Amino acid sequence: SQFETFGQWMEAMEGHGASVNFGSFVGASTLRMLGMGQRMGAAGSPERRLMQRALRQSMEEGAFGIASALVYPPGSFAGTDELIAVTAAAAPFGGVYITHLRSEGDRLLEAIDEAIEIGAGAGVPVEIYHLKAAGQRTWHKAVLAVAKIDSARAAGVDIQANMYPYTAGSTGLTACFPPSASAEGRLFRNLNDSAARDRMREEIESPTEEWENLCALAGPQGTLLLGLGRPANRRFAGRYLD
């Protein structure tokens, strides 16, 4: 089903019923879609105001705050300033900024700094979800990440984190592609175009964009295929990419 507002979705969930109590955040990518669609680039003032209004309405309708996932388009197209401006609309309601960091690998520590900057700039607490150092070459950063969060808390920043207790992440194979490949909602058209596919291959092998290739961090030997929608592809389920 399609829902126009956060409140309508909450009412539908309430009507459907659930075995546990739950609450929800409104997606920063959902707001970004409202303001900017699948376009790359910074949102201008009218688009930001539209996103702020939608966030305020969502808070009034019961959202816990705003949730970003800054590795994935179109959420990854939003810059720090834009996220501060939009998230500030949740502050009067006691909202929380919960975030899947912009990097969990090579720029993990910088991404934590950005989360702190967004929380401080918007005047809201910060929760980092799925805290990890992704990719074997970054494992040493895990202890540094915890130290950075502890240090920020000691300095009075309202920040904490959660993690899942196993040594794997889970995402779609689209996380292997540069964000520009998904701009304007054209990912599957680009994959179907040999010239565009060559450009994507080149970007994957020698990145020029600032983006996080989760497949490269895991390596083909560490990428397990599971959910495959098309019956013809299901024979690959349970096999590694290599």
Protein backbone atom coordinates (compact mmCIF):
# COMPACT_ATOMS: atom_id res chain seq x y z
CA SER A 1 0.00 0.00 0.00
CA GLN A 2 0.97 3.63 -0.53
CA PHE A 3 0.73 6.15 2.30
CA GLU A 4 0.76 9.92 1.94
CA THR A 5 1.81 10.64 5.53
CA PHE A 6 3.63 9.05 8.44
CA GLY A 7 0.38 9.22 10.42
CA GLN A 8 -1.53 7.19 7.83
CA TRP A 9 1.18 4.53 7.92
CA MET A 10 1.05 4.43 11.75
CA GLU A 11 -2.75 4.07 11.68
CA ALA A 12 -2.45 1.20 9.19
CA MET A 13 0.14 -0.53 11.37
CA GLU A 14 -2.05 -0.04 14.44
CA GLY A 15 -5.04 -1.49 12.58
CA HIS A 16 -2.97 -4.44 11.40
CA GLY A 17 -1.67 -5.19 14.91
CA ALA A 18 1.72 -6.42 16.05
CA SER A 19 3.00 -8.92 18.61
CA VAL A 20 5.32 -6.35 20.23
CA ASN A 21 5.14 -2.64 20.95
CA PHE A 22 7.15 -0.60 18.50
CA GLY A 23 7.81 2.95 17.46
CA SER A 24 9.24 4.34 14.27
CA PHE A 25 11.34 7.13 12.87
CA VAL A 26 10.61 8.90 9.60
CA GLY A 27 13.20 8.18 6.92
CA ALA A 28 15.53 11.01 5.88
CA SER A 29 15.54 9.39 2.42
CA THR A 30 11.74 9.49 2.38
CA LEU A 31 11.90 13.23 3.11
CA ARG A 32 14.64 13.67 0.51
CA MET A 33 12.44 11.92 -2.07
CA LEU A 34 9.64 14.34 -1.23
CA GLY A 35 11.88 17.36 -1.67
CA MET A 36 14.28 16.28 -4.41
CA GLY A 37 13.15 12.97 -5.90
CA GLN A 38 16.11 10.91 -7.09
CA ARG A 39 18.15 13.96 -8.10
CA MET A 40 21.74 14.45 -6.97
CA GLY A 41 22.88 17.78 -5.53
CA ALA A 42 22.01 19.99 -2.58
CA ALA A 43 18.40 20.85 -1.80
CA GLY A 44 17.56 24.55 -2.12
CA SER A 45 15.56 26.59 0.40
CA PRO A 46 12.06 25.70 -0.93
CA GLU A 47 12.92 21.98 -0.94
CA ARG A 48 14.37 22.17 2.58
CA ARG A 49 11.26 23.95 3.86
CA LEU A 50 9.09 21.22 2.32
CA MET A 51 11.17 18.52 4.06
CA GLN A 52 11.07 20.42 7.38
CA ARG A 53 7.28 20.74 7.18
CA ALA A 54 6.92 17.01 6.47
CA LEU A 55 9.21 16.18 9.39
CA ARG A 56 7.24 18.44 11.76
CA GLN A 57 4.00 16.79 10.66
CA SER A 58 5.55 13.32 11.15
CA MET A 59 6.67 14.26 14.65
CA GLU A 60 3.16 15.50 15.46
CA GLU A 61 1.83 12.17 14.19
CA GLY A 62 4.10 10.14 16.46
CA ALA A 63 7.53 9.71 14.86
CA PHE A 64 10.44 9.26 17.29
CA GLY A 65 12.71 11.36 15.10
CA ILE A 66 14.50 11.14 11.77
CA ALA A 67 16.54 8.17 10.51
CA SER A 68 19.24 8.55 7.86
CA ALA A 69 21.11 5.91 5.87
CA LEU A 70 23.90 7.87 4.21
CA VAL A 71 25.50 5.09 2.16
CA TYR A 72 22.42 4.58 -0.01
CA PRO A 73 20.99 6.84 -2.73
CA PRO A 74 19.07 9.09 -2.57
CA GLY A 75 19.89 9.59 1.15
CA SER A 76 23.59 9.73 0.29
CA PHE A 77 22.95 12.77 -1.93
CA ALA A 78 22.14 14.92 1.14
CA GLY A 79 25.05 16.93 2.57
CA THR A 80 25.76 17.70 6.22
CA ASP A 81 24.26 21.22 6.12
CA GLU A 82 21.05 19.96 4.57
CA LEU A 83 20.71 17.21 7.19
CA ILE A 84 21.25 19.74 10.01
CA ALA A 85 18.63 22.09 8.57
CA VAL A 86 16.01 19.38 8.10
CA THR A 87 16.70 17.55 11.38
CA ALA A 88 16.37 20.78 13.37
CA ALA A 89 12.61 20.60 12.71
CA ALA A 90 12.45 17.58 15.06
CA ALA A 91 14.19 19.35 17.96
CA PRO A 92 11.12 21.07 19.49
CA PHE A 93 9.41 17.66 19.71
CA GLY A 94 12.30 15.94 21.52
CA GLY A 95 13.16 14.04 18.35
CA VAL A 96 16.28 11.90 17.92
CA TYR A 97 18.62 11.71 14.91
CA ILE A 98 19.38 8.02 14.32
CA THR A 99 21.85 7.27 11.57
CA HIS A 100 23.44 4.62 9.45
CA LEU A 101 26.75 6.47 9.04
CA ARG A 102 28.02 7.84 5.73
CA SER A 103 30.96 5.45 6.00
CA GLU A 104 31.46 2.28 8.01
CA GLY A 105 34.84 1.59 6.44
CA ASP A 106 37.67 3.84 5.33
CA ARG A 107 36.05 7.04 6.66
CA LEU A 108 34.30 5.57 9.70
CA LEU A 109 35.79 8.03 12.21
CA GLU A 110 35.01 11.05 9.98
CA ALA A 111 31.45 9.75 9.61
CA ILE A 112 31.04 9.66 13.41
CA ASP A 113 32.26 13.27 13.50
CA GLU A 114 29.59 14.16 10.93
CA ALA A 115 26.86 12.49 13.01
CA ILE A 116 27.97 14.49 16.06
CA GLU A 117 27.99 17.68 13.97
CA ILE A 118 24.46 17.02 12.72
CA GLY A 119 23.14 16.33 16.22
CA ALA A 120 24.83 19.41 17.68
CA GLY A 121 23.78 21.64 14.79
CA ALA A 122 20.16 20.46 14.91
CA GLY A 123 19.96 20.37 18.72
CA VAL A 124 18.96 16.70 18.98
CA PRO A 125 20.44 13.52 20.51
CA VAL A 126 22.28 11.11 18.19
CA GLU A 127 21.99 7.34 17.93
CA ILE A 128 24.34 5.42 15.61
CA TYR A 129 22.83 2.19 14.44
CA HIS A 130 24.70 -0.91 13.31
CA LEU A 131 28.02 0.43 14.62
CA LYS A 132 30.80 -1.53 12.91
CA ALA A 133 34.16 -1.30 11.17
CA ALA A 134 33.34 -2.88 7.81
CA GLY A 135 36.03 -4.67 5.87
CA GLN A 136 39.03 -6.43 7.35
CA ARG A 137 41.35 -3.51 6.56
CA THR A 138 39.28 -1.27 8.85
CA TRP A 139 38.75 -3.64 11.80
CA HIS A 140 41.37 -1.77 13.84
CA LYS A 141 39.07 1.28 13.77
CA ALA A 142 36.38 -0.41 15.89
CA VAL A 143 38.13 0.40 19.17
CA LEU A 144 38.81 3.96 17.95
CA ALA A 145 35.13 4.41 17.08
CA VAL A 146 34.04 3.37 20.58
CA ALA A 147 36.68 5.69 22.09
CA LYS A 148 35.42 8.59 19.94
CA ILE A 149 31.82 8.01 21.09
CA ASP A 150 32.93 7.72 24.75
CA SER A 151 34.96 10.91 24.40
CA ALA A 152 32.01 12.81 22.89
CA ARG A 153 29.73 11.59 25.70
CA ALA A 154 32.27 12.70 28.30
CA ALA A 155 32.25 16.14 26.65
CA GLY A 156 28.47 16.35 27.06
CA VAL A 157 27.26 15.17 23.63
CA ASP A 158 24.08 13.08 23.86
CA ILE A 159 25.22 10.22 21.61
CA GLN A 160 25.08 6.46 21.83
CA ALA A 161 25.19 3.48 19.51
CA ASN A 162 23.84 -0.01 18.97
CA MET A 163 25.15 -3.01 17.09
CA TYR A 164 24.15 -6.51 16.08
CA PRO A 165 26.20 -9.32 17.61
CA TYR A 166 27.52 -11.12 14.52
CA THR A 167 30.31 -10.61 12.01
CA ALA A 168 28.31 -9.88 8.87
CA GLY A 169 26.20 -7.09 7.46
CA SER A 170 23.20 -7.41 5.18
CA THR A 171 22.26 -5.18 2.28
CA GLY A 172 21.29 -5.18 -1.37
CA LEU A 173 23.78 -5.73 -4.18
CA THR A 174 22.97 -2.17 -5.30
CA ALA A 175 25.42 -1.13 -2.54
CA CYS A 176 28.17 -2.34 -4.91
CA PHE A 177 27.45 0.46 -7.38
CA PRO A 178 28.49 4.14 -7.31
CA PRO A 179 25.66 6.45 -6.16
CA SER A 180 25.63 8.31 -9.48
CA ALA A 181 24.48 5.08 -11.15
CA SER A 182 21.19 5.42 -9.23
CA ALA A 183 20.65 9.13 -9.89
CA GLU A 184 17.25 9.99 -11.39
CA GLY A 185 16.14 6.44 -10.54
CA ARG A 186 18.04 5.09 -13.56
CA LEU A 187 20.00 2.22 -11.96
CA PHE A 188 18.33 -0.63 -13.81
CA ARG A 189 18.30 1.30 -17.09
CA ASN A 190 22.04 1.93 -16.62
CA LEU A 191 22.65 -1.75 -15.91
CA ASN A 192 20.85 -2.55 -19.16
CA ASP A 193 23.06 -0.16 -21.16
CA SER A 194 26.50 -1.50 -22.13
CA ALA A 195 28.21 1.94 -22.21
CA ALA A 196 26.77 2.91 -18.81
CA ARG A 197 27.74 -0.50 -17.46
CA ASP A 198 31.34 0.02 -18.63
CA ARG A 199 31.42 3.37 -16.79
CA MET A 200 30.08 1.72 -13.64
CA ARG A 201 32.67 -1.09 -13.88
CA GLU A 202 35.43 1.52 -14.23
CA GLU A 203 34.16 3.44 -11.20
CA ILE A 204 33.95 0.23 -9.12
CA GLU A 205 37.51 -0.79 -10.07
CA SER A 206 39.05 2.73 -9.73
CA PRO A 207 36.69 4.94 -7.70
CA THR A 208 36.68 8.66 -8.45
CA GLU A 209 33.50 9.51 -6.53
CA GLU A 210 33.57 9.68 -2.75
CA TRP A 211 31.41 6.66 -1.97
CA GLU A 212 31.55 3.50 0.06
CA ASN A 213 31.68 0.26 -1.91
CA LEU A 214 30.50 -2.28 0.65
CA CYS A 215 31.17 -5.13 -1.79
CA ALA A 216 34.81 -4.08 -2.14
CA LEU A 217 35.12 -3.93 1.66
CA ALA A 218 33.74 -7.47 1.99
CA GLY A 219 35.48 -8.80 -1.12
CA PRO A 220 33.84 -11.22 -3.58
CA GLN A 221 34.81 -14.11 -1.30
CA GLY A 222 32.93 -12.43 1.55
CA THR A 223 29.72 -11.53 -0.32
CA LEU A 224 27.06 -14.20 0.16
CA LEU A 225 24.04 -14.11 -2.17
CA LEU A 226 20.70 -14.80 -0.48
CA GLY A 227 17.46 -13.13 -1.57
CA LEU A 228 17.01 -13.43 -5.33
CA GLY A 229 13.61 -12.46 -6.69
CA ARG A 230 13.66 -14.04 -10.14
CA PRO A 231 13.19 -17.83 -10.22
CA ALA A 232 15.95 -18.14 -12.85
CA ASN A 233 18.45 -16.58 -10.42
CA ARG A 234 17.55 -18.57 -7.33
CA ARG A 235 20.12 -21.26 -8.10
CA PHE A 236 22.74 -18.68 -6.99
CA ALA A 237 21.28 -18.37 -3.48
CA GLY A 238 23.71 -19.58 -0.82
CA ARG A 239 26.75 -19.07 -3.07
CA TYR A 240 29.48 -16.45 -2.67
CA LEU A 241 30.09 -13.83 -5.36
CA ASP A 242 33.48 -15.32 -6.24
